[in-house]
Amino acid sequence: MHRKGEKKMKLKKGCVAVKVGLENGPFQRFVIPISYLHNPLFQRLLDRACEFYGYHTSGPLMLPCSVEDFLHLQRRIERDANKPNHHCHHHHHHNLFVALPHYLS
């Protein structure tokens, strides 16, 4: 059941809906490519989500980070994905956590 004024949105094939926010703040909905789920940076955030919410949730996947931090993470994932031969540079993934908040590192 949807809250009053909330619309159910259809997702494009290959995408997943997530809700991003900290427990005391509002959550914002994002639609991201499923390929993010395989990224080591995003997997770290998924591990954190499991610690906070467990595996069984109803509705979109809840991610425990600020919207600003999520947007930063998203830019890092996109930048890494657009690098030539990005699959050959796995060691760079570890350095990306330097600029991310402590709860993602």
PDB file of N, CA and C in Angstrom:
ATOM      1  N   MET A   1       0.840  -1.169   0.000  1.00  0.00           N
ATOM      2  CA  MET A   1       0.000   0.000   0.000  1.00  0.00           C
ATOM      3  C   MET A   1       0.890   1.239   0.000  1.00  0.00           C
ATOM      4  N   HIS A   2       0.529   2.230  -0.775  1.00  0.00           N
ATOM      5  CA  HIS A   2       1.328   3.447  -0.892  1.00  0.00           C
ATOM      6  C   HIS A   2       0.740   4.546  -0.026  1.00  0.00           C
ATOM      7  N   ARG A   3       1.639   5.379   0.490  1.00  0.00           N
ATOM      8  CA  ARG A   3       1.180   6.516   1.269  1.00  0.00           C
ATOM      9  C   ARG A   3       0.473   7.510   0.363  1.00  0.00           C
ATOM     10  N   LYS A   4      -0.372   8.320   0.947  1.00  0.00           N
ATOM     11  CA  LYS A   4      -1.120   9.320   0.213  1.00  0.00           C
ATOM     12  C   LYS A   4      -0.161  10.215  -0.562  1.00  0.00           C
ATOM     13  N   GLY A   5      -0.424  10.399  -1.839  1.00  0.00           N
ATOM     14  CA  GLY A   5       0.391  11.254  -2.664  1.00  0.00           C
ATOM     15  C   GLY A   5       1.630  10.591  -3.227  1.00  0.00           C
ATOM     16  N   GLU A   6       1.913   9.361  -2.834  1.00  0.00           N
ATOM     17  CA  GLU A   6       3.092   8.654  -3.314  1.00  0.00           C
ATOM     18  C   GLU A   6       2.713   7.840  -4.540  1.00  0.00           C
ATOM     19  N   LYS A   7       3.483   7.984  -5.603  1.00  0.00           N
ATOM     20  CA  LYS A   7       3.201   7.259  -6.840  1.00  0.00           C
ATOM     21  C   LYS A   7       4.123   6.050  -6.946  1.00  0.00           C
ATOM     22  N   LYS A   8       3.582   4.982  -7.487  1.00  0.00           N
ATOM     23  CA  LYS A   8       4.419   3.823  -7.772  1.00  0.00           C
ATOM     24  C   LYS A   8       5.053   4.048  -9.128  1.00  0.00           C
ATOM     25  N   MET A   9       6.384   3.967  -9.166  1.00  0.00           N
ATOM     26  CA  MET A   9       7.109   4.214 -10.403  1.00  0.00           C
ATOM     27  C   MET A   9       7.616   2.899 -10.958  1.00  0.00           C
ATOM     28  N   LYS A  10       7.503   2.742 -12.278  1.00  0.00           N
ATOM     29  CA  LYS A  10       8.052   1.563 -12.927  1.00  0.00           C
ATOM     30  C   LYS A  10       9.543   1.774 -13.130  1.00  0.00           C
ATOM     31  N   LEU A  11      10.294   0.703 -12.957  1.00  0.00           N
ATOM     32  CA  LEU A  11      11.736   0.759 -13.138  1.00  0.00           C
ATOM     33  C   LEU A  11      12.107   0.291 -14.528  1.00  0.00           C
ATOM     34  N   LYS A  12      13.145   0.915 -15.090  1.00  0.00           N
ATOM     35  CA  LYS A  12      13.688   0.437 -16.354  1.00  0.00           C
ATOM     36  C   LYS A  12      14.341  -0.914 -16.117  1.00  0.00           C
ATOM     37  N   LYS A  13      14.355  -1.740 -17.132  1.00  0.00           N
ATOM     38  CA  LYS A  13      15.029  -3.028 -17.047  1.00  0.00           C
ATOM     39  C   LYS A  13      16.503  -2.785 -16.744  1.00  0.00           C
ATOM     40  N   GLY A  14      17.041  -3.547 -15.799  1.00  0.00           N
ATOM     41  CA  GLY A  14      18.446  -3.406 -15.434  1.00  0.00           C
ATOM     42  C   GLY A  14      18.692  -2.375 -14.345  1.00  0.00           C
ATOM     43  N   CYS A  15      17.623  -1.901 -13.714  1.00  0.00           N
ATOM     44  CA  CYS A  15      17.753  -0.902 -12.651  1.00  0.00           C
ATOM     45  C   CYS A  15      17.093  -1.400 -11.372  1.00  0.00           C
ATOM     46  N   VAL A  16      17.490  -0.796 -10.264  1.00  0.00           N
ATOM     47  CA  VAL A  16      16.918  -1.129  -8.964  1.00  0.00           C
ATOM     48  C   VAL A  16      16.694   0.178  -8.199  1.00  0.00           C
ATOM     49  N   ALA A  17      15.632   0.214  -7.414  1.00  0.00           N
ATOM     50  CA  ALA A  17      15.330   1.395  -6.602  1.00  0.00           C
ATOM     51  C   ALA A  17      15.969   1.246  -5.228  1.00  0.00           C
ATOM     52  N   VAL A  18      16.533   2.337  -4.725  1.00  0.00           N
ATOM     53  CA  VAL A  18      17.099   2.370  -3.379  1.00  0.00           C
ATOM     54  C   VAL A  18      16.607   3.635  -2.693  1.00  0.00           C
ATOM     55  N   LYS A  19      16.557   3.585  -1.377  1.00  0.00           N
ATOM     56  CA  LYS A  19      16.261   4.771  -0.584  1.00  0.00           C
ATOM     57  C   LYS A  19      17.493   5.068   0.253  1.00  0.00           C
ATOM     58  N   VAL A  20      17.941   6.300   0.180  1.00  0.00           N
ATOM     59  CA  VAL A  20      19.179   6.714   0.814  1.00  0.00           C
ATOM     60  C   VAL A  20      18.884   7.728   1.900  1.00  0.00           C
ATOM     61  N   GLY A  21      19.485   7.542   3.067  1.00  0.00           N
ATOM     62  CA  GLY A  21      19.330   8.502   4.155  1.00  0.00           C
ATOM     63  C   GLY A  21      19.818   7.924   5.464  1.00  0.00           C
ATOM     64  N   LEU A  22      19.992   8.827   6.408  1.00  0.00           N
ATOM     65  CA  LEU A  22      20.392   8.420   7.751  1.00  0.00           C
ATOM     66  C   LEU A  22      19.146   8.227   8.590  1.00  0.00           C
ATOM     67  N   GLU A  23      19.263   7.441   9.651  1.00  0.00           N
ATOM     68  CA  GLU A  23      18.064   7.043  10.400  1.00  0.00           C
ATOM     69  C   GLU A  23      17.261   8.206  10.969  1.00  0.00           C
ATOM     70  N   ASN A  24      17.888   9.333  11.263  1.00  0.00           N
ATOM     71  CA  ASN A  24      17.144  10.453  11.829  1.00  0.00           C
ATOM     72  C   ASN A  24      16.744  11.493  10.793  1.00  0.00           C
ATOM     73  N   GLY A  25      17.070  11.249   9.524  1.00  0.00           N
ATOM     74  CA  GLY A  25      16.759  12.237   8.495  1.00  0.00           C
ATOM     75  C   GLY A  25      15.822  11.683   7.453  1.00  0.00           C
ATOM     76  N   PRO A  26      15.410  12.503   6.515  1.00  0.00           N
ATOM     77  CA  PRO A  26      14.544  12.020   5.436  1.00  0.00           C
ATOM     78  C   PRO A  26      15.316  11.130   4.470  1.00  0.00           C
ATOM     79  N   PHE A  27      14.612  10.247   3.794  1.00  0.00           N
ATOM     80  CA  PHE A  27      15.206   9.364   2.797  1.00  0.00           C
ATOM     81  C   PHE A  27      14.848   9.879   1.411  1.00  0.00           C
ATOM     82  N   GLN A  28      15.777   9.707   0.474  1.00  0.00           N
ATOM     83  CA  GLN A  28      15.542  10.097  -0.913  1.00  0.00           C
ATOM     84  C   GLN A  28      15.660   8.862  -1.783  1.00  0.00           C
ATOM     85  N   ARG A  29      14.757   8.727  -2.749  1.00  0.00           N
ATOM     86  CA  ARG A  29      14.725   7.562  -3.635  1.00  0.00           C
ATOM     87  C   ARG A  29      15.620   7.799  -4.842  1.00  0.00           C
ATOM     88  N   PHE A  30      16.394   6.777  -5.202  1.00  0.00           N
ATOM     89  CA  PHE A  30      17.240   6.799  -6.388  1.00  0.00           C
ATOM     90  C   PHE A  30      16.989   5.522  -7.179  1.00  0.00           C
ATOM     91  N   VAL A  31      17.143   5.606  -8.476  1.00  0.00           N
ATOM     92  CA  VAL A  31      17.103   4.429  -9.336  1.00  0.00           C
ATOM     93  C   VAL A  31      18.504   4.291  -9.910  1.00  0.00           C
ATOM     94  N   ILE A  32      19.120   3.145  -9.645  1.00  0.00           N
ATOM     95  CA  ILE A  32      20.511   2.931 -10.043  1.00  0.00           C
ATOM     96  C   ILE A  32      20.622   1.681 -10.911  1.00  0.00           C
ATOM     97  N   PRO A  33      21.673   1.606 -11.718  1.00  0.00           N
ATOM     98  CA  PRO A  33      21.884   0.390 -12.516  1.00  0.00           C
ATOM     99  C   PRO A  33      22.215  -0.798 -11.623  1.00  0.00           C
ATOM    100  N   ILE A  34      21.744  -1.952 -11.989  1.00  0.00           N
ATOM    101  CA  ILE A  34      22.029  -3.173 -11.236  1.00  0.00           C
ATOM    102  C   ILE A  34      23.539  -3.426 -11.182  1.00  0.00           C
ATOM    103  N   SER A  35      24.263  -2.950 -12.182  1.00  0.00           N
ATOM    104  CA  SER A  35      25.720  -3.154 -12.211  1.00  0.00           C
ATOM    105  C   SER A  35      26.402  -2.585 -10.967  1.00  0.00           C
ATOM    106  N   TYR A  36      25.802  -1.594 -10.319  1.00  0.00           N
ATOM    107  CA  TYR A  36      26.367  -1.042  -9.074  1.00  0.00           C
ATOM    108  C   TYR A  36      26.527  -2.128  -8.017  1.00  0.00           C
ATOM    109  N   LEU A  37      25.632  -3.096  -8.027  1.00  0.00           N
ATOM    110  CA  LEU A  37      25.642  -4.143  -7.003  1.00  0.00           C
ATOM    111  C   LEU A  37      26.926  -4.966  -7.020  1.00  0.00           C
ATOM    112  N   HIS A  38      27.640  -4.937  -8.141  1.00  0.00           N
ATOM    113  CA  HIS A  38      28.887  -5.697  -8.269  1.00  0.00           C
ATOM    114  C   HIS A  38      30.110  -4.854  -7.928  1.00  0.00           C
ATOM    115  N   ASN A  39      29.939  -3.567  -7.738  1.00  0.00           N
ATOM    116  CA  ASN A  39      31.060  -2.680  -7.453  1.00  0.00           C
ATOM    117  C   ASN A  39      31.497  -2.828  -5.995  1.00  0.00           C
ATOM    118  N   PRO A  40      32.797  -2.977  -5.741  1.00  0.00           N
ATOM    119  CA  PRO A  40      33.276  -3.148  -4.357  1.00  0.00           C
ATOM    120  C   PRO A  40      32.892  -1.990  -3.429  1.00  0.00           C
ATOM    121  N   LEU A  41      32.853  -0.769  -3.944  1.00  0.00           N
ATOM    122  CA  LEU A  41      32.445   0.370  -3.113  1.00  0.00           C
ATOM    123  C   LEU A  41      30.984   0.239  -2.701  1.00  0.00           C
ATOM    124  N   PHE A  42      30.152  -0.128  -3.662  1.00  0.00           N
ATOM    125  CA  PHE A  42      28.733  -0.260  -3.370  1.00  0.00           C
ATOM    126  C   PHE A  42      28.480  -1.467  -2.478  1.00  0.00           C
ATOM    127  N   GLN A  43      29.260  -2.523  -2.666  1.00  0.00           N
ATOM    128  CA  GLN A  43      29.106  -3.702  -1.814  1.00  0.00           C
ATOM    129  C   GLN A  43      29.394  -3.363  -0.357  1.00  0.00           C
ATOM    130  N   ARG A  44      30.316  -2.467  -0.121  1.00  0.00           N
ATOM    131  CA  ARG A  44      30.607  -2.026   1.249  1.00  0.00           C
ATOM    132  C   ARG A  44      29.372  -1.355   1.852  1.00  0.00           C
ATOM    133  N   LEU A  45      28.697  -0.542   1.053  1.00  0.00           N
ATOM    134  CA  LEU A  45      27.479   0.113   1.518  1.00  0.00           C
ATOM    135  C   LEU A  45      26.369  -0.914   1.755  1.00  0.00           C
ATOM    136  N   LEU A  46      26.295  -1.933   0.917  1.00  0.00           N
ATOM    137  CA  LEU A  46      25.307  -2.997   1.111  1.00  0.00           C
ATOM    138  C   LEU A  46      25.571  -3.763   2.403  1.00  0.00           C
ATOM    139  N   ASP A  47      26.839  -4.011   2.707  1.00  0.00           N
ATOM    140  CA  ASP A  47      27.180  -4.670   3.964  1.00  0.00           C
ATOM    141  C   ASP A  47      26.713  -3.829   5.148  1.00  0.00           C
ATOM    142  N   ARG A  48      26.916  -2.529   5.036  1.00  0.00           N
ATOM    143  CA  ARG A  48      26.488  -1.604   6.097  1.00  0.00           C
ATOM    144  C   ARG A  48      24.962  -1.617   6.225  1.00  0.00           C
ATOM    145  N   ALA A  49      24.268  -1.664   5.101  1.00  0.00           N
ATOM    146  CA  ALA A  49      22.801  -1.718   5.120  1.00  0.00           C
ATOM    147  C   ALA A  49      22.319  -2.983   5.815  1.00  0.00           C
ATOM    148  N   CYS A  50      23.012  -4.091   5.576  1.00  0.00           N
ATOM    149  CA  CYS A  50      22.649  -5.345   6.224  1.00  0.00           C
ATOM    150  C   CYS A  50      22.811  -5.242   7.731  1.00  0.00           C
ATOM    151  N   GLU A  51      23.887  -4.595   8.175  1.00  0.00           N
ATOM    152  CA  GLU A  51      24.106  -4.401   9.620  1.00  0.00           C
ATOM    153  C   GLU A  51      22.986  -3.578  10.249  1.00  0.00           C
ATOM    154  N   PHE A  52      22.539  -2.550   9.531  1.00  0.00           N
ATOM    155  CA  PHE A  52      21.507  -1.660  10.051  1.00  0.00           C
ATOM    156  C   PHE A  52      20.117  -2.260   9.992  1.00  0.00           C
ATOM    157  N   TYR A  53      19.761  -2.841   8.823  1.00  0.00           N
ATOM    158  CA  TYR A  53      18.375  -3.224   8.570  1.00  0.00           C
ATOM    159  C   TYR A  53      18.148  -4.723   8.436  1.00  0.00           C
ATOM    160  N   GLY A  54      19.191  -5.511   8.309  1.00  0.00           N
ATOM    161  CA  GLY A  54      19.027  -6.940   8.072  1.00  0.00           C
ATOM    162  C   GLY A  54      18.748  -7.217   6.608  1.00  0.00           C
ATOM    163  N   TYR A  55      18.538  -8.463   6.286  1.00  0.00           N
ATOM    164  CA  TYR A  55      18.313  -8.852   4.893  1.00  0.00           C
ATOM    165  C   TYR A  55      16.866  -8.735   4.465  1.00  0.00           C
ATOM    166  N   HIS A  56      15.941  -8.779   5.388  1.00  0.00           N
ATOM    167  CA  HIS A  56      14.528  -8.813   5.036  1.00  0.00           C
ATOM    168  C   HIS A  56      13.898  -7.446   5.232  1.00  0.00           C
ATOM    169  N   THR A  57      13.632  -6.782   4.116  1.00  0.00           N
ATOM    170  CA  THR A  57      12.934  -5.497   4.159  1.00  0.00           C
ATOM    171  C   THR A  57      11.849  -5.518   3.106  1.00  0.00           C
ATOM    172  N   SER A  58      10.834  -4.722   3.306  1.00  0.00           N
ATOM    173  CA  SER A  58       9.815  -4.590   2.275  1.00  0.00           C
ATOM    174  C   SER A  58      10.034  -3.247   1.590  1.00  0.00           C
ATOM    175  N   GLY A  59       9.815  -3.216   0.310  1.00  0.00           N
ATOM    176  CA  GLY A  59      10.014  -1.982  -0.433  1.00  0.00           C
ATOM    177  C   GLY A  59      11.433  -1.851  -0.936  1.00  0.00           C
ATOM    178  N   PRO A  60      11.806  -0.616  -1.304  1.00  0.00           N
ATOM    179  CA  PRO A  60      13.155  -0.406  -1.861  1.00  0.00           C
ATOM    180  C   PRO A  60      14.245  -0.717  -0.853  1.00  0.00           C
ATOM    181  N   LEU A  61      15.402  -1.035  -1.367  1.00  0.00           N
ATOM    182  CA  LEU A  61      16.578  -1.277  -0.553  1.00  0.00           C
ATOM    183  C   LEU A  61      16.950   0.016   0.172  1.00  0.00           C
ATOM    184  N   MET A  62      17.114  -0.043   1.486  1.00  0.00           N
ATOM    185  CA  MET A  62      17.456   1.128   2.293  1.00  0.00           C
ATOM    186  C   MET A  62      18.967   1.171   2.486  1.00  0.00           C
ATOM    187  N   LEU A  63      19.574   2.322   2.165  1.00  0.00           N
ATOM    188  CA  LEU A  63      21.020   2.481   2.294  1.00  0.00           C
ATOM    189  C   LEU A  63      21.328   3.536   3.349  1.00  0.00           C
ATOM    190  N   PRO A  64      22.059   3.159   4.393  1.00  0.00           N
ATOM    191  CA  PRO A  64      22.309   4.067   5.518  1.00  0.00           C
ATOM    192  C   PRO A  64      23.494   5.012   5.286  1.00  0.00           C
ATOM    193  N   CYS A  65      23.262   6.053   4.491  1.00  0.00           N
ATOM    194  CA  CYS A  65      24.270   7.098   4.320  1.00  0.00           C
ATOM    195  C   CYS A  65      23.547   8.371   3.900  1.00  0.00           C
ATOM    196  N   SER A  66      24.216   9.485   4.016  1.00  0.00           N
ATOM    197  CA  SER A  66      23.588  10.740   3.616  1.00  0.00           C
ATOM    198  C   SER A  66      23.459  10.782   2.095  1.00  0.00           C
ATOM    199  N   VAL A  67      22.526  11.574   1.610  1.00  0.00           N
ATOM    200  CA  VAL A  67      22.338  11.725   0.172  1.00  0.00           C
ATOM    201  C   VAL A  67      23.616  12.276  -0.451  1.00  0.00           C
ATOM    202  N   GLU A  68      24.248  13.220   0.206  1.00  0.00           N
ATOM    203  CA  GLU A  68      25.491  13.810  -0.294  1.00  0.00           C
ATOM    204  C   GLU A  68      26.575  12.735  -0.449  1.00  0.00           C
ATOM    205  N   ASP A  69      26.722  11.880   0.557  1.00  0.00           N
ATOM    206  CA  ASP A  69      27.718  10.810   0.490  1.00  0.00           C
ATOM    207  C   ASP A  69      27.373   9.793  -0.598  1.00  0.00           C
ATOM    208  N   PHE A  70      26.089   9.510  -0.774  1.00  0.00           N
ATOM    209  CA  PHE A  70      25.674   8.577  -1.817  1.00  0.00           C
ATOM    210  C   PHE A  70      25.991   9.147  -3.195  1.00  0.00           C
ATOM    211  N   LEU A  71      25.719  10.435  -3.391  1.00  0.00           N
ATOM    212  CA  LEU A  71      26.023  11.069  -4.680  1.00  0.00           C
ATOM    213  C   LEU A  71      27.525  11.037  -4.953  1.00  0.00           C
ATOM    214  N   HIS A  72      28.315  11.242  -3.906  1.00  0.00           N
ATOM    215  CA  HIS A  72      29.772  11.160  -4.039  1.00  0.00           C
ATOM    216  C   HIS A  72      30.180   9.737  -4.445  1.00  0.00           C
ATOM    217  N   LEU A  73      29.614   8.742  -3.795  1.00  0.00           N
ATOM    218  CA  LEU A  73      29.887   7.343  -4.113  1.00  0.00           C
ATOM    219  C   LEU A  73      29.485   7.040  -5.553  1.00  0.00           C
ATOM    220  N   GLN A  74      28.336   7.540  -5.957  1.00  0.00           N
ATOM    221  CA  GLN A  74      27.843   7.321  -7.314  1.00  0.00           C
ATOM    222  C   GLN A  74      28.801   7.929  -8.352  1.00  0.00           C
ATOM    223  N   ARG A  75      29.303   9.120  -8.079  1.00  0.00           N
ATOM    224  CA  ARG A  75      30.269   9.747  -8.996  1.00  0.00           C
ATOM    225  C   ARG A  75      31.539   8.910  -9.087  1.00  0.00           C
ATOM    226  N   ARG A  76      32.004   8.380  -7.962  1.00  0.00           N
ATOM    227  CA  ARG A  76      33.201   7.540  -7.961  1.00  0.00           C
ATOM    228  C   ARG A  76      32.991   6.267  -8.781  1.00  0.00           C
ATOM    229  N   ILE A  77      31.845   5.644  -8.615  1.00  0.00           N
ATOM    230  CA  ILE A  77      31.545   4.415  -9.365  1.00  0.00           C
ATOM    231  C   ILE A  77      31.489   4.718 -10.856  1.00  0.00           C
ATOM    232  N   GLU A  78      30.809   5.795 -11.227  1.00  0.00           N
ATOM    233  CA  GLU A  78      30.699   6.164 -12.634  1.00  0.00           C
ATOM    234  C   GLU A  78      32.064   6.518 -13.225  1.00  0.00           C
ATOM    235  N   ARG A  79      32.862   7.265 -12.480  1.00  0.00           N
ATOM    236  CA  ARG A  79      34.194   7.650 -12.954  1.00  0.00           C
ATOM    237  C   ARG A  79      35.045   6.397 -13.169  1.00  0.00           C
ATOM    238  N   ASP A  80      34.978   5.467 -12.227  1.00  0.00           N
ATOM    239  CA  ASP A  80      35.750   4.230 -12.336  1.00  0.00           C
ATOM    240  C   ASP A  80      35.279   3.398 -13.526  1.00  0.00           C
ATOM    241  N   ALA A  81      33.966   3.345 -13.733  1.00  0.00           N
ATOM    242  CA  ALA A  81      33.403   2.554 -14.825  1.00  0.00           C
ATOM    243  C   ALA A  81      33.774   3.130 -16.185  1.00  0.00           C
ATOM    244  N   ASN A  82      34.006   4.435 -16.253  1.00  0.00           N
ATOM    245  CA  ASN A  82      34.320   5.083 -17.521  1.00  0.00           C
ATOM    246  C   ASN A  82      35.804   5.133 -17.834  1.00  0.00           C
ATOM    247  N   LYS A  83      36.642   4.662 -16.916  1.00  0.00           N
ATOM    248  CA  LYS A  83      38.081   4.618 -17.172  1.00  0.00           C
ATOM    249  C   LYS A  83      38.383   3.508 -18.159  1.00  0.00           C
ATOM    250  N   PRO A  84      39.305   3.771 -19.094  1.00  0.00           N
ATOM    251  CA  PRO A  84      39.695   2.685 -20.007  1.00  0.00           C
ATOM    252  C   PRO A  84      40.327   1.549 -19.204  1.00  0.00           C
ATOM    253  N   ASN A  85      39.992   0.340 -19.585  1.00  0.00           N
ATOM    254  CA  ASN A  85      40.531  -0.858 -18.923  1.00  0.00           C
ATOM    255  C   ASN A  85      40.290  -0.852 -17.422  1.00  0.00           C
ATOM    256  N   HIS A  86      39.118  -0.364 -16.987  1.00  0.00           N
ATOM    257  CA  HIS A  86      38.859  -0.266 -15.546  1.00  0.00           C
ATOM    258  C   HIS A  86      38.914  -1.611 -14.847  1.00  0.00           C
ATOM    259  N   HIS A  87      38.662  -2.694 -15.570  1.00  0.00           N
ATOM    260  CA  HIS A  87      38.725  -4.016 -14.944  1.00  0.00           C
ATOM    261  C   HIS A  87      40.154  -4.436 -14.615  1.00  0.00           C
ATOM    262  N   CYS A  88      41.124  -3.788 -15.205  1.00  0.00           N
ATOM    263  CA  CYS A  88      42.518  -4.142 -14.953  1.00  0.00           C
ATOM    264  C   CYS A  88      43.107  -3.372 -13.777  1.00  0.00           C
ATOM    265  N   HIS A  89      42.366  -2.464 -13.220  1.00  0.00           N
ATOM    266  CA  HIS A  89      42.893  -1.600 -12.167  1.00  0.00           C
ATOM    267  C   HIS A  89      42.171  -1.827 -10.846  1.00  0.00           C
ATOM    268  N   HIS A  90      41.982  -3.056 -10.481  1.00  0.00           N
ATOM    269  CA  HIS A  90      41.237  -3.377  -9.263  1.00  0.00           C
ATOM    270  C   HIS A  90      41.853  -2.737  -8.024  1.00  0.00           C
ATOM    271  N   HIS A  91      43.169  -2.557  -7.991  1.00  0.00           N
ATOM    272  CA  HIS A  91      43.820  -2.005  -6.810  1.00  0.00           C
ATOM    273  C   HIS A  91      43.376  -0.584  -6.520  1.00  0.00           C
ATOM    274  N   HIS A  92      42.831   0.141  -7.490  1.00  0.00           N
ATOM    275  CA  HIS A  92      42.362   1.504  -7.260  1.00  0.00           C
ATOM    276  C   HIS A  92      41.118   1.545  -6.365  1.00  0.00           C
ATOM    277  N   HIS A  93      40.337   0.486  -6.359  1.00  0.00           N
ATOM    278  CA  HIS A  93      39.112   0.486  -5.551  1.00  0.00           C
ATOM    279  C   HIS A  93      39.408   0.759  -4.084  1.00  0.00           C
ATOM    280  N   HIS A  94      40.495   0.271  -3.572  1.00  0.00           N
ATOM    281  CA  HIS A  94      40.807   0.448  -2.162  1.00  0.00           C
ATOM    282  C   HIS A  94      41.095   1.903  -1.827  1.00  0.00           C
ATOM    283  N   ASN A  95      41.697   2.638  -2.751  1.00  0.00           N
ATOM    284  CA  ASN A  95      42.023   4.038  -2.506  1.00  0.00           C
ATOM    285  C   ASN A  95      40.799   4.940  -2.547  1.00  0.00           C
ATOM    286  N   LEU A  96      39.704   4.499  -3.129  1.00  0.00           N
ATOM    287  CA  LEU A  96      38.529   5.352  -3.241  1.00  0.00           C
ATOM    288  C   LEU A  96      37.878   5.617  -1.897  1.00  0.00           C
ATOM    289  N   PHE A  97      38.140   4.787  -0.899  1.00  0.00           N
ATOM    290  CA  PHE A  97      37.521   4.980   0.407  1.00  0.00           C
ATOM    291  C   PHE A  97      38.111   6.152   1.171  1.00  0.00           C
ATOM    292  N   VAL A  98      39.261   6.652   0.754  1.00  0.00           N
ATOM    293  CA  VAL A  98      39.911   7.740   1.477  1.00  0.00           C
ATOM    294  C   VAL A  98      38.999   8.942   1.608  1.00  0.00           C
ATOM    295  N   ALA A  99      38.266   9.274   0.532  1.00  0.00           N
ATOM    296  CA  ALA A  99      37.430  10.461   0.542  1.00  0.00           C
ATOM    297  C   ALA A  99      35.999  10.175   1.031  1.00  0.00           C
ATOM    298  N   LEU A 100      35.696   8.932   1.337  1.00  0.00           N
ATOM    299  CA  LEU A 100      34.346   8.590   1.779  1.00  0.00           C
ATOM    300  C   LEU A 100      34.264   8.637   3.292  1.00  0.00           C
ATOM    301  N   PRO A 101      33.084   8.856   3.837  1.00  0.00           N
ATOM    302  CA  PRO A 101      32.921   8.922   5.283  1.00  0.00           C
ATOM    303  C   PRO A 101      33.287   7.608   5.975  1.00  0.00           C
ATOM    304  N   HIS A 102      33.585   7.707   7.251  1.00  0.00           N
ATOM    305  CA  HIS A 102      34.055   6.554   8.020  1.00  0.00           C
ATOM    306  C   HIS A 102      33.108   5.374   7.984  1.00  0.00           C
ATOM    307  N   TYR A 103      31.807   5.591   7.873  1.00  0.00           N
ATOM    308  CA  TYR A 103      30.889   4.464   7.913  1.00  0.00           C
ATOM    309  C   TYR A 103      30.857   3.694   6.609  1.00  0.00           C
ATOM    310  N   LEU A 104      31.518   4.192   5.553  1.00  0.00           N
ATOM    311  CA  LEU A 104      31.629   3.436   4.323  1.00  0.00           C
ATOM    312  C   LEU A 104      33.004   2.827   4.153  1.00  0.00           C
ATOM    313  N   SER A 105      33.908   3.122   5.085  1.00  0.00           N
ATOM    314  CA  SER A 105      35.259   2.584   4.937  1.00  0.00           C
ATOM    315  C   SER A 105      35.518   1.475   5.925  1.00  0.00           C
TER     316      SER A 105
END
